Amino acid sequence: ISMTDKRPFKVGVNLATTPGAVVFR
């Protein structure tokens, strides 16, 4: 059951946007 309109959001575009880098995996 949808609790929010998902369309405006995209991870890496307007969520989780603080600059950085993956340094280990």
PDB file of all heavy atoms in Angstrom:
ATOM      1  N   ILE A   1       0.859  -1.177   0.000  1.00  0.00           N
ATOM      2  CA  ILE A   1       0.000   0.000   0.000  1.00  0.00           C
ATOM      3  C   ILE A   1       0.897   1.229   0.000  1.00  0.00           C
ATOM      4  O   ILE A   1       1.722   1.408   0.896  1.00  0.00           O
ATOM      5  CB  ILE A   1      -0.916   0.023   1.244  1.00  0.00           C
ATOM      6  CG1 ILE A   1      -1.844  -1.203   1.256  1.00  0.00           C
ATOM      7  CG2 ILE A   1      -1.745   1.294   1.283  1.00  0.00           C
ATOM      8  CD1 ILE A   1      -2.723  -1.285   2.494  1.00  0.00           C
ATOM      9  N   SER A   2       0.750   2.079  -0.995  1.00  0.00           N
ATOM     10  CA  SER A   2       1.611   3.255  -1.117  1.00  0.00           C
ATOM     11  C   SER A   2       1.363   4.222   0.032  1.00  0.00           C
ATOM     12  O   SER A   2       0.219   4.557   0.342  1.00  0.00           O
ATOM     13  CB  SER A   2       1.357   3.979  -2.439  1.00  0.00           C
ATOM     14  OG  SER A   2       1.762   3.169  -3.528  1.00  0.00           O
ATOM     15  N   MET A   3       2.453   4.689   0.643  1.00  0.00           N
ATOM     16  CA  MET A   3       2.366   5.712   1.679  1.00  0.00           C
ATOM     17  C   MET A   3       2.821   7.071   1.167  1.00  0.00           C
ATOM     18  O   MET A   3       2.626   8.085   1.842  1.00  0.00           O
ATOM     19  CB  MET A   3       3.206   5.312   2.890  1.00  0.00           C
ATOM     20  CG  MET A   3       2.729   4.050   3.594  1.00  0.00           C
ATOM     21  SD  MET A   3       3.473   3.854   5.234  1.00  0.00           S
ATOM     22  CE  MET A   3       5.190   3.632   4.799  1.00  0.00           C
ATOM     23  N   THR A   4       3.439   7.082  -0.012  1.00  0.00           N
ATOM     24  CA  THR A   4       3.929   8.337  -0.570  1.00  0.00           C
ATOM     25  C   THR A   4       3.965   8.230  -2.088  1.00  0.00           C
ATOM     26  O   THR A   4       3.974   7.126  -2.646  1.00  0.00           O
ATOM     27  CB  THR A   4       5.341   8.653  -0.032  1.00  0.00           C
ATOM     28  OG1 THR A   4       5.760   9.930  -0.497  1.00  0.00           O
ATOM     29  CG2 THR A   4       6.352   7.613  -0.484  1.00  0.00           C
ATOM     30  N   ASP A   5       3.987   9.360  -2.723  1.00  0.00           N
ATOM     31  CA  ASP A   5       4.182   9.408  -4.172  1.00  0.00           C
ATOM     32  C   ASP A   5       5.679   9.215  -4.442  1.00  0.00           C
ATOM     33  O   ASP A   5       6.501  10.060  -4.078  1.00  0.00           O
ATOM     34  CB  ASP A   5       3.708  10.759  -4.708  1.00  0.00           C
ATOM     35  CG  ASP A   5       3.762  10.832  -6.225  1.00  0.00           C
ATOM     36  OD1 ASP A   5       4.245   9.872  -6.860  1.00  0.00           O
ATOM     37  OD2 ASP A   5       3.342  11.869  -6.786  1.00  0.00           O
ATOM     38  N   LYS A   6       6.024   8.089  -5.050  1.00  0.00           N
ATOM     39  CA  LYS A   6       7.436   7.740  -5.237  1.00  0.00           C
ATOM     40  C   LYS A   6       8.070   8.464  -6.419  1.00  0.00           C
ATOM     41  O   LYS A   6       9.297   8.530  -6.527  1.00  0.00           O
ATOM     42  CB  LYS A   6       7.577   6.228  -5.451  1.00  0.00           C
ATOM     43  CG  LYS A   6       7.049   5.373  -4.323  1.00  0.00           C
ATOM     44  CD  LYS A   6       7.149   3.902  -4.691  1.00  0.00           C
ATOM     45  CE  LYS A   6       6.512   3.010  -3.643  1.00  0.00           C
ATOM     46  NZ  LYS A   6       6.549   1.578  -4.041  1.00  0.00           N
ATOM     47  N   ARG A   7       7.260   8.992  -7.312  1.00  0.00           N
ATOM     48  CA  ARG A   7       7.781   9.504  -8.579  1.00  0.00           C
ATOM     49  C   ARG A   7       8.795  10.632  -8.447  1.00  0.00           C
ATOM     50  O   ARG A   7       9.753  10.696  -9.226  1.00  0.00           O
ATOM     51  CB  ARG A   7       6.611   9.936  -9.472  1.00  0.00           C
ATOM     52  CG  ARG A   7       5.740   8.770  -9.919  1.00  0.00           C
ATOM     53  CD  ARG A   7       4.460   9.247 -10.593  1.00  0.00           C
ATOM     54  NE  ARG A   7       3.608   9.987  -9.661  1.00  0.00           N
ATOM     55  CZ  ARG A   7       2.419  10.487  -9.981  1.00  0.00           C
ATOM     56  NH1 ARG A   7       1.960  10.336 -11.220  1.00  0.00           N
ATOM     57  NH2 ARG A   7       1.701  11.131  -9.099  1.00  0.00           N
ATOM     58  N   PRO A   8       8.664  11.560  -7.466  1.00  0.00           N
ATOM     59  CA  PRO A   8       9.627  12.667  -7.420  1.00  0.00           C
ATOM     60  C   PRO A   8      11.018  12.273  -6.919  1.00  0.00           C
ATOM     61  O   PRO A   8      11.943  13.075  -7.019  1.00  0.00           O
ATOM     62  CB  PRO A   8       8.984  13.655  -6.439  1.00  0.00           C
ATOM     63  CG  PRO A   8       7.545  13.249  -6.354  1.00  0.00           C
ATOM     64  CD  PRO A   8       7.555  11.776  -6.554  1.00  0.00           C
ATOM     65  N   PHE A   9      11.191  11.053  -6.380  1.00  0.00           N
ATOM     66  CA  PHE A   9      12.429  10.726  -5.694  1.00  0.00           C
ATOM     67  C   PHE A   9      13.300   9.758  -6.498  1.00  0.00           C
ATOM     68  O   PHE A   9      12.798   8.815  -7.120  1.00  0.00           O
ATOM     69  CB  PHE A   9      12.128  10.108  -4.330  1.00  0.00           C
ATOM     70  CG  PHE A   9      11.340  11.013  -3.424  1.00  0.00           C
ATOM     71  CD1 PHE A   9      10.028  10.704  -3.079  1.00  0.00           C
ATOM     72  CD2 PHE A   9      11.901  12.174  -2.927  1.00  0.00           C
ATOM     73  CE1 PHE A   9       9.304  11.533  -2.252  1.00  0.00           C
ATOM     74  CE2 PHE A   9      11.181  13.012  -2.098  1.00  0.00           C
ATOM     75  CZ  PHE A   9       9.884  12.700  -1.754  1.00  0.00           C
ATOM     76  N   LYS A  10      14.590   9.990  -6.428  1.00  0.00           N
ATOM     77  CA  LYS A  10      15.560   9.080  -7.023  1.00  0.00           C
ATOM     78  C   LYS A  10      16.846   9.128  -6.199  1.00  0.00           C
ATOM     79  O   LYS A  10      17.426  10.204  -5.996  1.00  0.00           O
ATOM     80  CB  LYS A  10      15.856   9.436  -8.480  1.00  0.00           C
ATOM     81  CG  LYS A  10      16.698   8.368  -9.183  1.00  0.00           C
ATOM     82  CD  LYS A  10      16.809   8.620 -10.672  1.00  0.00           C
ATOM     83  CE  LYS A  10      17.603   7.503 -11.355  1.00  0.00           C
ATOM     84  NZ  LYS A  10      17.722   7.723 -12.816  1.00  0.00           N
ATOM     85  N   VAL A  11      17.267   7.967  -5.719  1.00  0.00           N
ATOM     86  CA  VAL A  11      18.475   7.889  -4.903  1.00  0.00           C
ATOM     87  C   VAL A  11      19.677   8.286  -5.748  1.00  0.00           C
ATOM     88  O   VAL A  11      19.863   7.798  -6.863  1.00  0.00           O
ATOM     89  CB  VAL A  11      18.652   6.468  -4.334  1.00  0.00           C
ATOM     90  CG1 VAL A  11      19.959   6.366  -3.544  1.00  0.00           C
ATOM     91  CG2 VAL A  11      17.460   6.099  -3.455  1.00  0.00           C
ATOM     92  N   GLY A  12      20.493   9.174  -5.218  1.00  0.00           N
ATOM     93  CA  GLY A  12      21.656   9.670  -5.939  1.00  0.00           C
ATOM     94  C   GLY A  12      21.382  10.921  -6.743  1.00  0.00           C
ATOM     95  O   GLY A  12      22.315  11.577  -7.209  1.00  0.00           O
ATOM     96  N   VAL A  13      20.097  11.254  -6.900  1.00  0.00           N
ATOM     97  CA  VAL A  13      19.717  12.467  -7.639  1.00  0.00           C
ATOM     98  C   VAL A  13      19.197  13.527  -6.666  1.00  0.00           C
ATOM     99  O   VAL A  13      19.715  14.642  -6.610  1.00  0.00           O
ATOM    100  CB  VAL A  13      18.683  12.153  -8.728  1.00  0.00           C
ATOM    101  CG1 VAL A  13      18.216  13.440  -9.418  1.00  0.00           C
ATOM    102  CG2 VAL A  13      19.264  11.187  -9.746  1.00  0.00           C
ATOM    103  N   ASN A  14      18.162  13.189  -5.893  1.00  0.00           N
ATOM    104  CA  ASN A  14      17.686  14.122  -4.875  1.00  0.00           C
ATOM    105  C   ASN A  14      17.599  13.490  -3.489  1.00  0.00           C
ATOM    106  O   ASN A  14      17.059  14.076  -2.557  1.00  0.00           O
ATOM    107  CB  ASN A  14      16.347  14.753  -5.272  1.00  0.00           C
ATOM    108  CG  ASN A  14      15.284  13.713  -5.587  1.00  0.00           C
ATOM    109  OD1 ASN A  14      15.487  12.513  -5.388  1.00  0.00           O
ATOM    110  ND2 ASN A  14      14.150  14.162  -6.090  1.00  0.00           N
ATOM    111  N   LEU A  15      18.101  12.279  -3.350  1.00  0.00           N
ATOM    112  CA  LEU A  15      18.293  11.612  -2.061  1.00  0.00           C
ATOM    113  C   LEU A  15      19.719  11.062  -2.039  1.00  0.00           C
ATOM    114  O   LEU A  15      20.239  10.629  -3.075  1.00  0.00           O
ATOM    115  CB  LEU A  15      17.301  10.459  -1.870  1.00  0.00           C
ATOM    116  CG  LEU A  15      15.809  10.791  -1.854  1.00  0.00           C
ATOM    117  CD1 LEU A  15      14.993   9.504  -1.881  1.00  0.00           C
ATOM    118  CD2 LEU A  15      15.440  11.614  -0.634  1.00  0.00           C
ATOM    119  N   ALA A  16      20.338  11.038  -0.858  1.00  0.00           N
ATOM    120  CA  ALA A  16      21.708  10.529  -0.731  1.00  0.00           C
ATOM    121  C   ALA A  16      22.654  11.256  -1.679  1.00  0.00           C
ATOM    122  O   ALA A  16      23.358  10.639  -2.487  1.00  0.00           O
ATOM    123  CB  ALA A  16      21.744   9.022  -0.990  1.00  0.00           C
ATOM    124  N   THR A  17      22.688  12.578  -1.580  1.00  0.00           N
ATOM    125  CA  THR A  17      23.447  13.383  -2.541  1.00  0.00           C
ATOM    126  C   THR A  17      24.724  14.001  -1.961  1.00  0.00           C
ATOM    127  O   THR A  17      25.418  14.719  -2.670  1.00  0.00           O
ATOM    128  CB  THR A  17      22.569  14.510  -3.088  1.00  0.00           C
ATOM    129  OG1 THR A  17      22.113  15.332  -2.002  1.00  0.00           O
ATOM    130  CG2 THR A  17      21.380  13.957  -3.849  1.00  0.00           C
ATOM    131  N   THR A  18      25.025  13.766  -0.696  1.00  0.00           N
ATOM    132  CA  THR A  18      26.268  14.312  -0.154  1.00  0.00           C
ATOM    133  C   THR A  18      27.450  13.732  -0.922  1.00  0.00           C
ATOM    134  O   THR A  18      27.564  12.503  -1.050  1.00  0.00           O
ATOM    135  CB  THR A  18      26.402  13.989   1.346  1.00  0.00           C
ATOM    136  OG1 THR A  18      25.276  14.550   2.047  1.00  0.00           O
ATOM    137  CG2 THR A  18      27.681  14.575   1.925  1.00  0.00           C
ATOM    138  N   PRO A  19      28.338  14.575  -1.462  1.00  0.00           N
ATOM    139  CA  PRO A  19      29.440  14.077  -2.299  1.00  0.00           C
ATOM    140  C   PRO A  19      30.387  13.163  -1.530  1.00  0.00           C
ATOM    141  O   PRO A  19      30.680  13.386  -0.352  1.00  0.00           O
ATOM    142  CB  PRO A  19      30.157  15.357  -2.735  1.00  0.00           C
ATOM    143  CG  PRO A  19      29.141  16.440  -2.595  1.00  0.00           C
ATOM    144  CD  PRO A  19      28.298  16.047  -1.413  1.00  0.00           C
ATOM    145  N   GLY A  20      30.848  12.135  -2.208  1.00  0.00           N
ATOM    146  CA  GLY A  20      31.782  11.195  -1.614  1.00  0.00           C
ATOM    147  C   GLY A  20      32.129  10.113  -2.597  1.00  0.00           C
ATOM    148  O   GLY A  20      31.787  10.193  -3.790  1.00  0.00           O
ATOM    149  N   ALA A  21      32.802   9.071  -2.111  1.00  0.00           N
ATOM    150  CA  ALA A  21      33.236   7.979  -2.986  1.00  0.00           C
ATOM    151  C   ALA A  21      33.226   6.665  -2.227  1.00  0.00           C
ATOM    152  O   ALA A  21      33.499   6.628  -1.014  1.00  0.00           O
ATOM    153  CB  ALA A  21      34.637   8.251  -3.528  1.00  0.00           C
ATOM    154  N   VAL A  22      32.914   5.597  -2.937  1.00  0.00           N
ATOM    155  CA  VAL A  22      33.067   4.255  -2.397  1.00  0.00           C
ATOM    156  C   VAL A  22      34.551   3.924  -2.423  1.00  0.00           C
ATOM    157  O   VAL A  22      35.183   3.951  -3.487  1.00  0.00           O
ATOM    158  CB  VAL A  22      32.271   3.224  -3.214  1.00  0.00           C
ATOM    159  CG1 VAL A  22      32.540   1.810  -2.701  1.00  0.00           C
ATOM    160  CG2 VAL A  22      30.780   3.530  -3.171  1.00  0.00           C
ATOM    161  N   VAL A  23      35.125   3.637  -1.252  1.00  0.00           N
ATOM    162  CA  VAL A  23      36.565   3.376  -1.174  1.00  0.00           C
ATOM    163  C   VAL A  23      36.879   1.925  -0.814  1.00  0.00           C
ATOM    164  O   VAL A  23      38.040   1.534  -0.762  1.00  0.00           O
ATOM    165  CB  VAL A  23      37.234   4.322  -0.157  1.00  0.00           C
ATOM    166  CG1 VAL A  23      37.184   5.770  -0.656  1.00  0.00           C
ATOM    167  CG2 VAL A  23      36.572   4.210   1.213  1.00  0.00           C
ATOM    168  N   PHE A  24      35.828   1.140  -0.563  1.00  0.00           N
ATOM    169  CA  PHE A  24      36.030  -0.282  -0.275  1.00  0.00           C
ATOM    170  C   PHE A  24      34.733  -1.020  -0.580  1.00  0.00           C
ATOM    171  O   PHE A  24      33.645  -0.503  -0.357  1.00  0.00           O
ATOM    172  CB  PHE A  24      36.411  -0.495   1.199  1.00  0.00           C
ATOM    173  CG  PHE A  24      36.500  -1.947   1.595  1.00  0.00           C
ATOM    174  CD1 PHE A  24      37.599  -2.710   1.252  1.00  0.00           C
ATOM    175  CD2 PHE A  24      35.458  -2.550   2.292  1.00  0.00           C
ATOM    176  CE1 PHE A  24      37.669  -4.056   1.598  1.00  0.00           C
ATOM    177  CE2 PHE A  24      35.518  -3.888   2.641  1.00  0.00           C
ATOM    178  CZ  PHE A  24      36.628  -4.635   2.295  1.00  0.00           C
ATOM    179  N   ARG A  25      34.892  -2.237  -1.081  1.00  0.00           N
ATOM    180  CA  ARG A  25      33.727  -3.087  -1.345  1.00  0.00           C
ATOM    181  C   ARG A  25      34.120  -4.536  -1.120  1.00  0.00           C
ATOM    182  O   ARG A  25      35.169  -4.993  -1.573  1.00  0.00           O
ATOM    183  CB  ARG A  25      33.238  -2.892  -2.780  1.00  0.00           C
ATOM    184  CG  ARG A  25      32.006  -3.731  -3.142  1.00  0.00           C
ATOM    185  CD  ARG A  25      31.659  -3.627  -4.624  1.00  0.00           C
ATOM    186  NE  ARG A  25      31.232  -2.289  -5.020  1.00  0.00           N
ATOM    187  CZ  ARG A  25      31.808  -1.583  -5.972  1.00  0.00           C
ATOM    188  NH1 ARG A  25      32.850  -2.079  -6.644  1.00  0.00           N
ATOM    189  NH2 ARG A  25      31.353  -0.376  -6.288  1.00  0.00           N
TER     190      ARG A  25
END
